[in-house]
Amino acid sequence: MREVSESVCRAHGAECVFEYTHEFAPTVNSPEHVDVALRAATNIAGAESVDGNVQPMMISEDFGAFLQVVPGNFIFIGNGEARENGGIPLHNAGYDFNDDILQTGARYFAELARLALPASR
């Protein structure tokens, strides 16, 4: 990043000061809660729609800070495919939340609570 920044500046007769900071904690799911999250997702969306082994990615997500205090899991619920409702990525000026997934999200969290919490006696 430093090399690219400095090269662009040199090409345009400018100077830069490069400083890299690591602002966000990594978002790492709590292993003890993964199974119940996968079961809830599978029960709601079906096994063919659930990927329990998403490749690690470098994204800026403040949820990592929460997970340092309270164990939990980060999930992708599926807001839409490219060129469909919800297909524009988050943090993009053209982003529009896909309201059609609200019921799926609510059903997932209700199922997660049902599976994770002890049954009333």
Protein backbone atom coordinates (compact mmCIF):
# COMPACT_ATOMS: atom_id res chain seq x y z
CA MET A 1 0.00 0.00 0.00
CA ARG A 2 2.85 2.33 0.84
CA GLU A 3 4.52 1.66 -2.52
CA VAL A 4 1.32 2.25 -4.48
CA SER A 5 0.57 5.48 -2.60
CA GLU A 6 4.08 6.81 -3.02
CA SER A 7 4.18 5.85 -6.71
CA VAL A 8 0.88 7.59 -7.47
CA CYS A 9 2.08 10.71 -5.69
CA ARG A 10 5.44 10.70 -7.51
CA ALA A 11 3.66 10.33 -10.85
CA HIS A 12 1.69 13.50 -10.10
CA GLY A 13 4.47 15.52 -8.49
CA ALA A 14 3.04 15.16 -5.02
CA GLU A 15 4.24 13.77 -1.73
CA CYS A 16 2.46 11.58 0.75
CA VAL A 17 2.78 10.46 4.32
CA PHE A 18 1.71 6.85 4.65
CA GLU A 19 0.48 5.51 7.96
CA TYR A 20 -1.25 2.16 8.32
CA THR A 21 -3.44 1.56 11.35
CA HIS A 22 -5.38 -1.54 12.24
CA GLU A 23 -8.67 -0.12 13.47
CA PHE A 24 -10.83 -3.20 13.74
CA ALA A 25 -10.50 -6.45 15.65
CA PRO A 26 -10.83 -9.56 13.50
CA THR A 27 -14.30 -11.04 13.39
CA VAL A 28 -13.82 -14.62 14.52
CA ASN A 29 -16.85 -16.74 15.35
CA SER A 30 -16.93 -18.43 18.75
CA PRO A 31 -16.41 -22.15 18.02
CA GLU A 32 -18.74 -23.24 20.82
CA HIS A 33 -21.68 -21.48 19.12
CA VAL A 34 -21.11 -22.40 15.47
CA ASP A 35 -23.04 -25.69 15.51
CA VAL A 36 -26.25 -24.16 16.86
CA ALA A 37 -26.02 -21.27 14.39
CA LEU A 38 -25.61 -23.72 11.50
CA ARG A 39 -28.51 -25.88 12.71
CA ALA A 40 -30.77 -22.83 12.97
CA ALA A 41 -29.80 -21.63 9.50
CA THR A 42 -30.28 -25.10 8.01
CA ASN A 43 -33.68 -25.49 9.68
CA ILE A 44 -34.84 -22.17 8.20
CA ALA A 45 -33.15 -21.98 4.79
CA GLY A 46 -32.39 -25.64 4.02
CA ALA A 47 -28.99 -27.33 3.80
CA GLU A 48 -28.55 -26.36 0.13
CA SER A 49 -28.66 -22.66 1.09
CA VAL A 50 -26.24 -22.80 4.03
CA ASP A 51 -22.45 -22.59 3.72
CA GLY A 52 -20.88 -23.37 7.08
CA ASN A 53 -17.35 -22.99 5.79
CA VAL A 54 -17.09 -19.51 4.27
CA GLN A 55 -13.54 -18.61 3.32
CA PRO A 56 -11.92 -16.00 5.59
CA MET A 57 -12.03 -12.49 4.17
CA MET A 58 -10.53 -9.14 4.99
CA ILE A 59 -13.51 -6.90 5.63
CA SER A 60 -13.98 -3.97 7.96
CA GLU A 61 -16.55 -5.05 10.50
CA ASP A 62 -16.93 -3.70 14.04
CA PHE A 63 -18.68 -6.90 15.14
CA GLY A 64 -15.20 -8.28 15.91
CA ALA A 65 -15.01 -5.91 18.88
CA PHE A 66 -18.30 -7.28 20.22
CA LEU A 67 -17.01 -10.84 19.95
CA GLN A 68 -14.05 -9.94 22.15
CA VAL A 69 -16.52 -9.25 24.97
CA VAL A 70 -19.45 -11.60 24.31
CA PRO A 71 -19.11 -14.93 22.47
CA GLY A 72 -21.20 -15.19 19.33
CA ASN A 73 -21.22 -15.60 15.56
CA PHE A 74 -21.36 -13.37 12.53
CA ILE A 75 -23.57 -14.62 9.71
CA PHE A 76 -24.28 -13.57 6.15
CA ILE A 77 -28.01 -13.83 5.59
CA GLY A 78 -27.96 -13.25 1.83
CA ASN A 79 -29.26 -9.85 0.82
CA GLY A 80 -29.38 -10.63 -2.90
CA GLU A 81 -27.32 -11.41 -5.97
CA ALA A 82 -25.76 -8.88 -8.34
CA ARG A 83 -28.37 -7.04 -10.43
CA GLU A 84 -31.17 -8.25 -8.14
CA ASN A 85 -32.95 -6.53 -5.28
CA GLY A 86 -30.30 -6.21 -2.58
CA GLY A 87 -27.43 -7.15 -4.89
CA ILE A 88 -25.45 -3.95 -4.42
CA PRO A 89 -22.89 -4.35 -1.60
CA LEU A 90 -23.27 -2.67 1.77
CA HIS A 91 -21.47 0.70 2.17
CA ASN A 92 -22.16 1.51 -1.49
CA ALA A 93 -24.12 4.65 -2.35
CA GLY A 94 -26.57 2.53 -4.37
CA TYR A 95 -27.21 -0.01 -1.57
CA ASP A 96 -30.84 -0.75 -0.83
CA PHE A 97 -31.69 -3.28 1.89
CA ASN A 98 -33.73 -6.16 0.53
CA ASP A 99 -36.89 -6.02 2.66
CA ASP A 100 -37.89 -9.45 1.33
CA ILE A 101 -35.36 -11.11 3.67
CA LEU A 102 -36.76 -9.62 6.90
CA GLN A 103 -38.97 -12.63 7.60
CA THR A 104 -36.10 -15.02 6.92
CA GLY A 105 -33.89 -13.12 9.36
CA ALA A 106 -36.59 -13.04 12.02
CA ARG A 107 -37.27 -16.76 11.57
CA TYR A 108 -33.53 -17.51 11.82
CA PHE A 109 -33.10 -15.61 15.10
CA ALA A 110 -36.26 -17.15 16.57
CA GLU A 111 -34.99 -20.61 15.63
CA LEU A 112 -31.55 -19.82 17.06
CA ALA A 113 -33.15 -18.78 20.37
CA ARG A 114 -35.35 -21.90 20.36
CA LEU A 115 -32.33 -24.17 19.86
CA ALA A 116 -29.92 -22.36 22.17
CA LEU A 117 -32.07 -21.56 25.16
CA PRO A 118 -33.11 -24.21 27.66
CA ALA A 119 -36.68 -25.41 27.29
CA SER A 120 -39.17 -24.16 29.87
CA ARG A 121 -40.22 -26.77 32.35
